[in-house]
PDB file of N, CA and C in Angstrom:
ATOM      1  N   MET A   1      -8.100  27.520   9.437  1.00  0.00           N
ATOM      2  CA  MET A   1      -8.245  26.371   8.594  1.00  0.00           C
ATOM      3  C   MET A   1     -10.184  25.505   8.253  1.00  0.00           C
ATOM      4  N   ALA A   2     -10.235  25.249   7.266  1.00  0.00           N
ATOM      5  CA  ALA A   2     -11.476  25.103   6.716  1.00  0.00           C
ATOM      6  C   ALA A   2     -12.192  23.734   7.165  1.00  0.00           C
ATOM      7  N   PRO A   3     -13.791  24.116   7.564  1.00  0.00           N
ATOM      8  CA  PRO A   3     -13.753  22.494   8.142  1.00  0.00           C
ATOM      9  C   PRO A   3     -14.264  21.305   7.268  1.00  0.00           C
ATOM     10  N   THR A   4     -13.717  19.857   7.898  1.00  0.00           N
ATOM     11  CA  THR A   4     -13.545  18.678   6.913  1.00  0.00           C
ATOM     12  C   THR A   4     -15.007  19.057   6.311  1.00  0.00           C
ATOM     13  N   SER A   5     -14.540  18.670   4.770  1.00  0.00           N
ATOM     14  CA  SER A   5     -15.681  17.978   4.088  1.00  0.00           C
ATOM     15  C   SER A   5     -15.378  16.654   3.680  1.00  0.00           C
ATOM     16  N   ILE A   6     -16.550  15.773   3.689  1.00  0.00           N
ATOM     17  CA  ILE A   6     -16.383  14.972   2.816  1.00  0.00           C
ATOM     18  C   ILE A   6     -17.715  14.548   1.661  1.00  0.00           C
ATOM     19  N   ASP A   7     -16.757  14.564   0.347  1.00  0.00           N
ATOM     20  CA  ASP A   7     -17.438  14.205  -0.846  1.00  0.00           C
ATOM     21  C   ASP A   7     -16.841  12.980  -1.547  1.00  0.00           C
ATOM     22  N   ALA A   8     -17.366  12.319  -1.956  1.00  0.00           N
ATOM     23  CA  ALA A   8     -16.861  11.156  -3.144  1.00  0.00           C
ATOM     24  C   ALA A   8     -15.538  12.008  -4.064  1.00  0.00           C
ATOM     25  N   THR A   9     -16.071  13.267  -4.167  1.00  0.00           N
ATOM     26  CA  THR A   9     -15.072  14.047  -5.680  1.00  0.00           C
ATOM     27  C   THR A   9     -14.461  14.398  -5.524  1.00  0.00           C
ATOM     28  N   ASP A  10     -14.152  14.479  -4.303  1.00  0.00           N
ATOM     29  CA  ASP A  10     -12.723  15.145  -3.883  1.00  0.00           C
ATOM     30  C   ASP A  10     -11.376  14.355  -3.810  1.00  0.00           C
ATOM     31  N   ASP A  11     -10.029  14.753  -3.839  1.00  0.00           N
ATOM     32  CA  ASP A  11      -9.107  14.202  -4.461  1.00  0.00           C
ATOM     33  C   ASP A  11      -8.062  14.450  -3.104  1.00  0.00           C
ATOM     34  N   VAL A  12      -8.681  13.148  -2.186  1.00  0.00           N
ATOM     35  CA  VAL A  12      -7.857  12.987  -1.297  1.00  0.00           C
ATOM     36  C   VAL A  12      -7.880  11.788  -0.396  1.00  0.00           C
ATOM     37  N   VAL A  13      -7.046  11.224   0.270  1.00  0.00           N
ATOM     38  CA  VAL A  13      -6.997  10.112   1.101  1.00  0.00           C
ATOM     39  C   VAL A  13      -7.583  10.048   2.351  1.00  0.00           C
ATOM     40  N   THR A  14      -8.014   9.487   3.043  1.00  0.00           N
ATOM     41  CA  THR A  14      -8.381   9.497   4.341  1.00  0.00           C
ATOM     42  C   THR A  14      -7.735   8.603   4.834  1.00  0.00           C
ATOM     43  N   LEU A  15      -7.560   9.053   6.105  1.00  0.00           N
ATOM     44  CA  LEU A  15      -6.892   7.718   7.383  1.00  0.00           C
ATOM     45  C   LEU A  15      -8.467   7.677   8.052  1.00  0.00           C
ATOM     46  N   VAL A  16      -8.275   6.619   8.707  1.00  0.00           N
ATOM     47  CA  VAL A  16      -9.286   6.094   9.623  1.00  0.00           C
ATOM     48  C   VAL A  16      -8.765   5.710  10.666  1.00  0.00           C
ATOM     49  N   ASN A  17      -7.459   6.104  11.421  1.00  0.00           N
ATOM     50  CA  ASN A  17      -6.991   5.284  12.544  1.00  0.00           C
ATOM     51  C   ASN A  17      -8.045   5.255  14.165  1.00  0.00           C
ATOM     52  N   VAL A  18      -7.944   3.889  14.318  1.00  0.00           N
ATOM     53  CA  VAL A  18      -8.859   3.473  15.408  1.00  0.00           C
ATOM     54  C   VAL A  18      -8.114   2.840  16.222  1.00  0.00           C
ATOM     55  N   PHE A  19      -7.740   3.883  17.863  1.00  0.00           N
ATOM     56  CA  PHE A  19      -7.019   3.290  18.556  1.00  0.00           C
ATOM     57  C   PHE A  19      -7.697   2.457  20.072  1.00  0.00           C
ATOM     58  N   THR A  20      -7.029   1.491  20.091  1.00  0.00           N
ATOM     59  CA  THR A  20      -7.795   0.697  21.620  1.00  0.00           C
ATOM     60  C   THR A  20      -6.942   1.447  22.965  1.00  0.00           C
ATOM     61  N   VAL A  21      -7.742   2.005  23.887  1.00  0.00           N
ATOM     62  CA  VAL A  21      -7.327   2.891  25.128  1.00  0.00           C
ATOM     63  C   VAL A  21      -8.097   1.707  25.847  1.00  0.00           C
ATOM     64  N   THR A  22      -7.520   2.645  27.737  1.00  0.00           N
ATOM     65  CA  THR A  22      -8.077   1.788  28.468  1.00  0.00           C
ATOM     66  C   THR A  22      -8.664   3.051  28.829  1.00  0.00           C
ATOM     67  N   PRO A  23     -10.349   2.962  30.008  1.00  0.00           N
ATOM     68  CA  PRO A  23     -10.932   4.729  30.127  1.00  0.00           C
ATOM     69  C   PRO A  23      -9.723   5.534  30.939  1.00  0.00           C
ATOM     70  N   GLU A  24      -9.328   5.033  31.648  1.00  0.00           N
ATOM     71  CA  GLU A  24      -7.893   5.781  32.054  1.00  0.00           C
ATOM     72  C   GLU A  24      -7.613   6.391  31.341  1.00  0.00           C
ATOM     73  N   THR A  25      -7.075   6.099  30.165  1.00  0.00           N
ATOM     74  CA  THR A  25      -6.355   6.798  28.799  1.00  0.00           C
ATOM     75  C   THR A  25      -6.690   7.537  27.831  1.00  0.00           C
ATOM     76  N   GLN A  26      -7.936   7.094  28.090  1.00  0.00           N
ATOM     77  CA  GLN A  26      -9.076   7.843  26.207  1.00  0.00           C
ATOM     78  C   GLN A  26      -8.524   9.300  26.738  1.00  0.00           C
ATOM     79  N   GLN A  27      -8.710  10.428  27.573  1.00  0.00           N
ATOM     80  CA  GLN A  27      -8.804  11.326  27.687  1.00  0.00           C
ATOM     81  C   GLN A  27      -7.234  12.045  27.044  1.00  0.00           C
ATOM     82  N   ARG A  28      -5.684  11.519  27.576  1.00  0.00           N
ATOM     83  CA  ARG A  28      -4.739  11.536  27.567  1.00  0.00           C
ATOM     84  C   ARG A  28      -4.872  11.198  25.686  1.00  0.00           C
ATOM     85  N   LEU A  29      -4.576  10.135  25.519  1.00  0.00           N
ATOM     86  CA  LEU A  29      -4.765  10.043  23.969  1.00  0.00           C
ATOM     87  C   LEU A  29      -5.171  11.406  23.391  1.00  0.00           C
ATOM     88  N   VAL A  30      -6.796  11.480  23.589  1.00  0.00           N
ATOM     89  CA  VAL A  30      -7.630  12.169  22.582  1.00  0.00           C
ATOM     90  C   VAL A  30      -7.027  14.196  22.671  1.00  0.00           C
ATOM     91  N   GLU A  31      -5.859  14.538  24.308  1.00  0.00           N
ATOM     92  CA  GLU A  31      -5.248  15.924  24.353  1.00  0.00           C
ATOM     93  C   GLU A  31      -4.194  15.661  22.980  1.00  0.00           C
ATOM     94  N   LEU A  32      -3.418  14.449  23.482  1.00  0.00           N
ATOM     95  CA  LEU A  32      -2.195  14.180  22.563  1.00  0.00           C
ATOM     96  C   LEU A  32      -2.550  14.374  21.266  1.00  0.00           C
ATOM     97  N   LEU A  33      -3.019  13.788  20.596  1.00  0.00           N
ATOM     98  CA  LEU A  33      -3.587  13.791  19.106  1.00  0.00           C
ATOM     99  C   LEU A  33      -4.284  14.970  19.120  1.00  0.00           C
ATOM    100  N   GLY A  34      -4.739  15.526  19.555  1.00  0.00           N
ATOM    101  CA  GLY A  34      -5.468  17.298  19.493  1.00  0.00           C
ATOM    102  C   GLY A  34      -3.726  18.112  19.132  1.00  0.00           C
ATOM    103  N   ARG A  35      -3.027  18.074  20.231  1.00  0.00           N
ATOM    104  CA  ARG A  35      -2.262  18.555  20.295  1.00  0.00           C
ATOM    105  C   ARG A  35      -1.285  18.222  19.431  1.00  0.00           C
ATOM    106  N   ALA A  36      -0.738  17.001  19.127  1.00  0.00           N
ATOM    107  CA  ALA A  36      -0.315  16.301  18.131  1.00  0.00           C
ATOM    108  C   ALA A  36      -0.364  16.825  16.448  1.00  0.00           C
ATOM    109  N   THR A  37      -1.620  17.264  16.054  1.00  0.00           N
ATOM    110  CA  THR A  37      -2.527  17.899  15.047  1.00  0.00           C
ATOM    111  C   THR A  37      -2.434  19.381  15.111  1.00  0.00           C
ATOM    112  N   GLU A  38      -2.593  20.194  16.192  1.00  0.00           N
ATOM    113  CA  GLU A  38      -1.903  21.246  15.958  1.00  0.00           C
ATOM    114  C   GLU A  38      -0.728  22.224  15.392  1.00  0.00           C
ATOM    115  N   GLU A  39       0.132  21.271  16.253  1.00  0.00           N
ATOM    116  CA  GLU A  39       1.251  21.621  17.049  1.00  0.00           C
ATOM    117  C   GLU A  39       2.258  20.881  15.228  1.00  0.00           C
ATOM    118  N   VAL A  40       1.976  19.761  14.706  1.00  0.00           N
ATOM    119  CA  VAL A  40       2.364  19.365  14.035  1.00  0.00           C
ATOM    120  C   VAL A  40       2.141  19.295  12.752  1.00  0.00           C
ATOM    121  N   MET A  41       1.006  18.104  12.886  1.00  0.00           N
ATOM    122  CA  MET A  41       0.546  17.477  11.465  1.00  0.00           C
ATOM    123  C   MET A  41      -0.188  18.672  10.643  1.00  0.00           C
ATOM    124  N   ARG A  42      -0.567  19.398  10.870  1.00  0.00           N
ATOM    125  CA  ARG A  42      -1.298  20.213  10.057  1.00  0.00           C
ATOM    126  C   ARG A  42      -0.405  21.278   9.428  1.00  0.00           C
ATOM    127  N   HIS A  43       1.349  21.592   9.879  1.00  0.00           N
ATOM    128  CA  HIS A  43       2.029  21.703   8.884  1.00  0.00           C
ATOM    129  C   HIS A  43       3.001  20.631   8.171  1.00  0.00           C
ATOM    130  N   ARG A  44       2.079  19.666   7.821  1.00  0.00           N
ATOM    131  CA  ARG A  44       2.808  18.766   7.164  1.00  0.00           C
ATOM    132  C   ARG A  44       2.346  18.859   6.349  1.00  0.00           C
ATOM    133  N   PRO A  45       3.277  18.816   4.557  1.00  0.00           N
ATOM    134  CA  PRO A  45       2.935  19.015   3.472  1.00  0.00           C
ATOM    135  C   PRO A  45       1.484  17.773   2.926  1.00  0.00           C
ATOM    136  N   GLY A  46       0.477  18.455   2.238  1.00  0.00           N
ATOM    137  CA  GLY A  46      -0.468  17.312   2.126  1.00  0.00           C
ATOM    138  C   GLY A  46      -1.393  17.520   3.205  1.00  0.00           C
ATOM    139  N   PHE A  47      -0.862  17.730   4.521  1.00  0.00           N
ATOM    140  CA  PHE A  47      -2.490  17.545   5.142  1.00  0.00           C
ATOM    141  C   PHE A  47      -3.606  18.416   4.864  1.00  0.00           C
ATOM    142  N   VAL A  48      -4.507  17.596   5.088  1.00  0.00           N
ATOM    143  CA  VAL A  48      -5.878  18.746   4.953  1.00  0.00           C
ATOM    144  C   VAL A  48      -6.880  18.662   5.794  1.00  0.00           C
ATOM    145  N   SER A  49      -7.381  18.046   7.012  1.00  0.00           N
ATOM    146  CA  SER A  49      -8.540  17.788   7.932  1.00  0.00           C
ATOM    147  C   SER A  49      -7.933  16.903   9.002  1.00  0.00           C
ATOM    148  N   ALA A  50      -8.422  16.845   9.949  1.00  0.00           N
ATOM    149  CA  ALA A  50      -8.703  15.932  11.054  1.00  0.00           C
ATOM    150  C   ALA A  50      -9.814  16.156  12.413  1.00  0.00           C
ATOM    151  N   ASN A  51      -9.948  14.957  12.693  1.00  0.00           N
ATOM    152  CA  ASN A  51     -11.249  14.736  13.695  1.00  0.00           C
ATOM    153  C   ASN A  51     -11.314  14.064  14.073  1.00  0.00           C
ATOM    154  N   ILE A  52     -11.012  14.147  16.013  1.00  0.00           N
ATOM    155  CA  ILE A  52     -10.753  13.274  16.931  1.00  0.00           C
ATOM    156  C   ILE A  52     -11.912  12.910  17.435  1.00  0.00           C
ATOM    157  N   HIS A  53     -11.972  11.739  17.534  1.00  0.00           N
ATOM    158  CA  HIS A  53     -13.666  10.921  18.178  1.00  0.00           C
ATOM    159  C   HIS A  53     -13.157   9.923  19.485  1.00  0.00           C
ATOM    160  N   ALA A  54     -14.078  10.734  20.894  1.00  0.00           N
ATOM    161  CA  ALA A  54     -13.735   9.327  21.285  1.00  0.00           C
ATOM    162  C   ALA A  54     -15.325   8.728  21.999  1.00  0.00           C
ATOM    163  N   GLY A  55     -14.849   7.299  21.983  1.00  0.00           N
ATOM    164  CA  GLY A  55     -15.782   6.174  22.034  1.00  0.00           C
ATOM    165  C   GLY A  55     -16.502   6.331  23.164  1.00  0.00           C
ATOM    166  N   LEU A  56     -17.858   6.510  23.018  1.00  0.00           N
ATOM    167  CA  LEU A  56     -18.751   6.635  24.703  1.00  0.00           C
ATOM    168  C   LEU A  56     -18.405   5.324  25.067  1.00  0.00           C
ATOM    169  N   ASP A  57     -17.796   4.632  25.100  1.00  0.00           N
ATOM    170  CA  ASP A  57     -17.685   2.919  25.883  1.00  0.00           C
ATOM    171  C   ASP A  57     -16.205   3.505  26.930  1.00  0.00           C
ATOM    172  N   GLY A  58     -15.215   4.787  26.366  1.00  0.00           N
ATOM    173  CA  GLY A  58     -13.911   5.192  26.993  1.00  0.00           C
ATOM    174  C   GLY A  58     -12.964   4.452  26.728  1.00  0.00           C
ATOM    175  N   THR A  59     -12.991   3.417  25.742  1.00  0.00           N
ATOM    176  CA  THR A  59     -12.014   2.291  24.726  1.00  0.00           C
ATOM    177  C   THR A  59     -11.687   2.795  23.940  1.00  0.00           C
ATOM    178  N   ARG A  60     -12.316   3.203  22.883  1.00  0.00           N
ATOM    179  CA  ARG A  60     -11.644   3.865  21.812  1.00  0.00           C
ATOM    180  C   ARG A  60     -11.795   5.131  21.387  1.00  0.00           C
ATOM    181  N   VAL A  61     -10.415   5.542  20.410  1.00  0.00           N
ATOM    182  CA  VAL A  61     -10.560   7.042  20.707  1.00  0.00           C
ATOM    183  C   VAL A  61     -10.617   6.658  18.584  1.00  0.00           C
ATOM    184  N   ALA A  62     -11.315   7.680  18.192  1.00  0.00           N
ATOM    185  CA  ALA A  62     -11.012   7.227  16.765  1.00  0.00           C
ATOM    186  C   ALA A  62     -10.141   8.793  15.975  1.00  0.00           C
ATOM    187  N   ASN A  63      -9.701   8.511  15.229  1.00  0.00           N
ATOM    188  CA  ASN A  63      -8.592   9.721  13.978  1.00  0.00           C
ATOM    189  C   ASN A  63      -9.368   9.678  12.420  1.00  0.00           C
ATOM    190  N   TYR A  64      -9.894  10.517  12.140  1.00  0.00           N
ATOM    191  CA  TYR A  64     -10.677  10.551  10.836  1.00  0.00           C
ATOM    192  C   TYR A  64      -9.677  11.958  10.192  1.00  0.00           C
ATOM    193  N   ALA A  65      -8.975  11.598   9.377  1.00  0.00           N
ATOM    194  CA  ALA A  65      -7.556  12.608   8.609  1.00  0.00           C
ATOM    195  C   ALA A  65      -7.970  11.911   7.080  1.00  0.00           C
ATOM    196  N   GLN A  66      -7.605  13.791   6.630  1.00  0.00           N
ATOM    197  CA  GLN A  66      -7.479  13.458   4.993  1.00  0.00           C
ATOM    198  C   GLN A  66      -6.588  13.756   4.679  1.00  0.00           C
ATOM    199  N   TRP A  67      -5.755  13.712   3.541  1.00  0.00           N
ATOM    200  CA  TRP A  67      -4.452  14.269   3.489  1.00  0.00           C
ATOM    201  C   TRP A  67      -4.311  14.365   1.665  1.00  0.00           C
ATOM    202  N   ARG A  68      -3.703  14.815   1.464  1.00  0.00           N
ATOM    203  CA  ARG A  68      -3.646  15.236  -0.390  1.00  0.00           C
ATOM    204  C   ARG A  68      -3.707  14.063  -0.971  1.00  0.00           C
ATOM    205  N   SER A  69      -2.607  13.130  -0.797  1.00  0.00           N
ATOM    206  CA  SER A  69      -2.598  11.703  -1.389  1.00  0.00           C
ATOM    207  C   SER A  69      -1.632  10.706  -0.830  1.00  0.00           C
ATOM    208  N   VAL A  70      -1.571   9.361  -0.793  1.00  0.00           N
ATOM    209  CA  VAL A  70      -0.856   8.589  -0.017  1.00  0.00           C
ATOM    210  C   VAL A  70       0.764   8.737   0.661  1.00  0.00           C
ATOM    211  N   GLU A  71       1.674   9.327  -0.508  1.00  0.00           N
ATOM    212  CA  GLU A  71       2.436   9.729  -0.684  1.00  0.00           C
ATOM    213  C   GLU A  71       3.139  11.045   0.444  1.00  0.00           C
ATOM    214  N   ASP A  72       2.025  11.844   0.770  1.00  0.00           N
ATOM    215  CA  ASP A  72       2.430  13.003   1.451  1.00  0.00           C
ATOM    216  C   ASP A  72       1.964  12.185   3.012  1.00  0.00           C
ATOM    217  N   PHE A  73       0.454  10.852   3.220  1.00  0.00           N
ATOM    218  CA  PHE A  73       0.803  10.868   4.348  1.00  0.00           C
ATOM    219  C   PHE A  73       1.801  10.278   4.823  1.00  0.00           C
ATOM    220  N   ARG A  74       2.403   9.074   3.704  1.00  0.00           N
ATOM    221  CA  ARG A  74       3.566   8.444   4.094  1.00  0.00           C
ATOM    222  C   ARG A  74       4.924   9.281   4.469  1.00  0.00           C
ATOM    223  N   ALA A  75       5.198  10.256   3.853  1.00  0.00           N
ATOM    224  CA  ALA A  75       6.218  11.166   4.462  1.00  0.00           C
ATOM    225  C   ALA A  75       5.803  11.823   5.691  1.00  0.00           C
ATOM    226  N   ALA A  76       4.914  12.199   5.959  1.00  0.00           N
ATOM    227  CA  ALA A  76       4.548  12.489   7.619  1.00  0.00           C
ATOM    228  C   ALA A  76       5.137  11.999   8.463  1.00  0.00           C
ATOM    229  N   LEU A  77       4.560  10.055   7.947  1.00  0.00           N
ATOM    230  CA  LEU A  77       4.832   9.258   9.112  1.00  0.00           C
ATOM    231  C   LEU A  77       6.339   8.822   9.108  1.00  0.00           C
ATOM    232  N   GLU A  78       7.092   9.100   8.066  1.00  0.00           N
ATOM    233  CA  GLU A  78       8.704   9.320   7.844  1.00  0.00           C
ATOM    234  C   GLU A  78       9.325  10.512   9.295  1.00  0.00           C
ATOM    235  N   ASP A  79       8.616  11.826   9.194  1.00  0.00           N
ATOM    236  CA  ASP A  79       9.272  12.527  10.179  1.00  0.00           C
ATOM    237  C   ASP A  79       9.911  12.481  11.654  1.00  0.00           C
ATOM    238  N   PRO A  80      10.707  12.512  11.812  1.00  0.00           N
ATOM    239  CA  PRO A  80      11.242  12.179  13.167  1.00  0.00           C
ATOM    240  C   PRO A  80      10.382  12.948  14.255  1.00  0.00           C
ATOM    241  N   VAL A  81       9.041  13.985  14.035  1.00  0.00           N
ATOM    242  CA  VAL A  81       9.033  14.951  14.864  1.00  0.00           C
ATOM    243  C   VAL A  81       7.721  14.204  15.215  1.00  0.00           C
ATOM    244  N   VAL A  82       7.257  14.022  13.554  1.00  0.00           N
ATOM    245  CA  VAL A  82       5.639  13.045  13.694  1.00  0.00           C
ATOM    246  C   VAL A  82       5.901  11.075  14.373  1.00  0.00           C
ATOM    247  N   ARG A  83       6.616  10.558  14.142  1.00  0.00           N
ATOM    248  CA  ARG A  83       7.448   9.506  14.854  1.00  0.00           C
ATOM    249  C   ARG A  83       7.235  10.167  16.821  1.00  0.00           C
ATOM    250  N   GLU A  84       7.721  10.821  17.306  1.00  0.00           N
ATOM    251  CA  GLU A  84       7.808  10.808  18.567  1.00  0.00           C
ATOM    252  C   GLU A  84       6.128  11.415  18.646  1.00  0.00           C
ATOM    253  N   HIS A  85       5.813  11.923  18.825  1.00  0.00           N
ATOM    254  CA  HIS A  85       4.299  11.070  19.287  1.00  0.00           C
ATOM    255  C   HIS A  85       3.793   9.763  18.844  1.00  0.00           C
ATOM    256  N   ILE A  86       3.573   9.525  17.844  1.00  0.00           N
ATOM    257  CA  ILE A  86       3.434   7.889  17.644  1.00  0.00           C
ATOM    258  C   ILE A  86       4.254   6.709  18.522  1.00  0.00           C
ATOM    259  N   ASP A  87       5.012   7.449  18.645  1.00  0.00           N
ATOM    260  CA  ASP A  87       5.998   6.650  19.525  1.00  0.00           C
ATOM    261  C   ASP A  87       5.785   6.297  20.899  1.00  0.00           C
ATOM    262  N   GLU A  88       4.825   8.056  21.567  1.00  0.00           N
ATOM    263  CA  GLU A  88       4.375   8.171  22.993  1.00  0.00           C
ATOM    264  C   GLU A  88       3.110   7.305  23.008  1.00  0.00           C
ATOM    265  N   ILE A  89       2.244   7.694  22.273  1.00  0.00           N
ATOM    266  CA  ILE A  89       0.983   7.094  21.860  1.00  0.00           C
ATOM    267  C   ILE A  89       1.240   5.621  21.776  1.00  0.00           C
ATOM    268  N   THR A  90       2.523   5.118  21.596  1.00  0.00           N
ATOM    269  CA  THR A  90       2.174   3.340  21.269  1.00  0.00           C
ATOM    270  C   THR A  90       2.842   2.777  22.923  1.00  0.00           C
ATOM    271  N   THR A  91       2.711   3.807  24.219  1.00  0.00           N
ATOM    272  CA  THR A  91       3.069   2.871  24.911  1.00  0.00           C
ATOM    273  C   THR A  91       1.753   3.236  25.579  1.00  0.00           C
ATOM    274  N   PHE A  92       0.839   3.098  25.299  1.00  0.00           N
ATOM    275  CA  PHE A  92      -0.233   3.363  25.991  1.00  0.00           C
ATOM    276  C   PHE A  92      -1.754   3.169  25.240  1.00  0.00           C
ATOM    277  N   ALA A  93      -1.575   3.005  24.206  1.00  0.00           N
ATOM    278  CA  ALA A  93      -2.530   2.842  23.187  1.00  0.00           C
ATOM    279  C   ALA A  93      -2.090   1.980  22.000  1.00  0.00           C
ATOM    280  N   THR A  94      -3.029   0.968  21.243  1.00  0.00           N
ATOM    281  CA  THR A  94      -2.611   0.325  19.969  1.00  0.00           C
ATOM    282  C   THR A  94      -3.864   0.725  19.170  1.00  0.00           C
ATOM    283  N   ALA A  95      -3.560   1.000  17.959  1.00  0.00           N
ATOM    284  CA  ALA A  95      -3.602   1.743  16.682  1.00  0.00           C
ATOM    285  C   ALA A  95      -3.916   0.653  15.418  1.00  0.00           C
ATOM    286  N   ASP A  96      -5.509   0.943  14.637  1.00  0.00           N
ATOM    287  CA  ASP A  96      -5.135   0.139  13.595  1.00  0.00           C
ATOM    288  C   ASP A  96      -5.653   0.727  12.641  1.00  0.00           C
ATOM    289  N   PRO A  97      -4.646   1.629  11.914  1.00  0.00           N
ATOM    290  CA  PRO A  97      -4.576   2.538  10.590  1.00  0.00           C
ATOM    291  C   PRO A  97      -5.118   2.015   9.503  1.00  0.00           C
ATOM    292  N   GLN A  98      -6.053   2.699   9.117  1.00  0.00           N
ATOM    293  CA  GLN A  98      -6.074   2.525   7.890  1.00  0.00           C
ATOM    294  C   GLN A  98      -6.117   3.233   6.107  1.00  0.00           C
ATOM    295  N   LEU A  99      -5.999   2.985   5.047  1.00  0.00           N
ATOM    296  CA  LEU A  99      -6.658   4.052   4.231  1.00  0.00           C
ATOM    297  C   LEU A  99      -7.297   4.444   3.466  1.00  0.00           C
ATOM    298  N   TYR A 100      -8.550   5.185   2.734  1.00  0.00           N
ATOM    299  CA  TYR A 100      -9.422   5.220   2.261  1.00  0.00           C
ATOM    300  C   TYR A 100      -9.441   5.756   1.614  1.00  0.00           C
ATOM    301  N   ARG A 101     -10.711   5.411   0.466  1.00  0.00           N
ATOM    302  CA  ARG A 101     -10.678   6.579  -0.422  1.00  0.00           C
ATOM    303  C   ARG A 101     -12.465   6.816  -0.221  1.00  0.00           C
ATOM    304  N   VAL A 102     -13.255   7.891  -0.199  1.00  0.00           N
ATOM    305  CA  VAL A 102     -14.797   8.120  -0.195  1.00  0.00           C
ATOM    306  C   VAL A 102     -15.182   7.745  -1.236  1.00  0.00           C
ATOM    307  N   VAL A 103     -16.159   6.780  -1.488  1.00  0.00           N
ATOM    308  CA  VAL A 103     -16.912   6.667  -2.538  1.00  0.00           C
ATOM    309  C   VAL A 103     -18.735   6.459  -2.762  1.00  0.00           C
ATOM    310  N   SER A 104     -18.911   7.126  -1.654  1.00  0.00           N
ATOM    311  CA  SER A 104     -20.303   7.371  -1.474  1.00  0.00           C
ATOM    312  C   SER A 104     -20.318   8.219  -0.068  1.00  0.00           C
ATOM    313  N   THR A 105     -21.672   9.698  -0.263  1.00  0.00           N
ATOM    314  CA  THR A 105     -21.649   9.937   0.920  1.00  0.00           C
ATOM    315  C   THR A 105     -23.374  10.003   1.134  1.00  0.00           C
ATOM    316  N   HIS A 106     -24.327  10.225   1.856  1.00  0.00           N
ATOM    317  CA  HIS A 106     -25.421  10.422   1.865  1.00  0.00           C
ATOM    318  C   HIS A 106     -26.030  11.596   2.935  1.00  0.00           C
ATOM    319  N   HIS A 107     -26.954  12.254   2.913  1.00  0.00           N
ATOM    320  CA  HIS A 107     -27.234  13.323   3.589  1.00  0.00           C
ATOM    321  C   HIS A 107     -29.211  13.456   4.088  1.00  0.00           C
ATOM    322  N   ALA A 108     -28.943  13.612   4.999  1.00  0.00           N
ATOM    323  CA  ALA A 108     -30.476  14.018   5.805  1.00  0.00           C
ATOM    324  C   ALA A 108     -30.647  15.404   4.430  1.00  0.00           C
TER     325      ALA A 108
END
């Protein structure tokens, strides 16, 4: 799998999903998201990449994922296997998923 590339000229849609967890469940969510991405999400049509970030205070996990289109992302959400993972996550974490497009990048 190619590394994530963030470029305003790429024709992708970006999911930024910030989860709220307890410090005791942060690692569980990180592991679940990693497993779900590796075993399920990356095999769905339109998937480009995913990056999982653990908040330093232990109460947040952010998933930055790229998809070829909004339609591909929404179709993945309708997949029963994907829904199983989402349902498990919602038993101990709250999510705030939002879709974005990259409009600007800056580098040193």
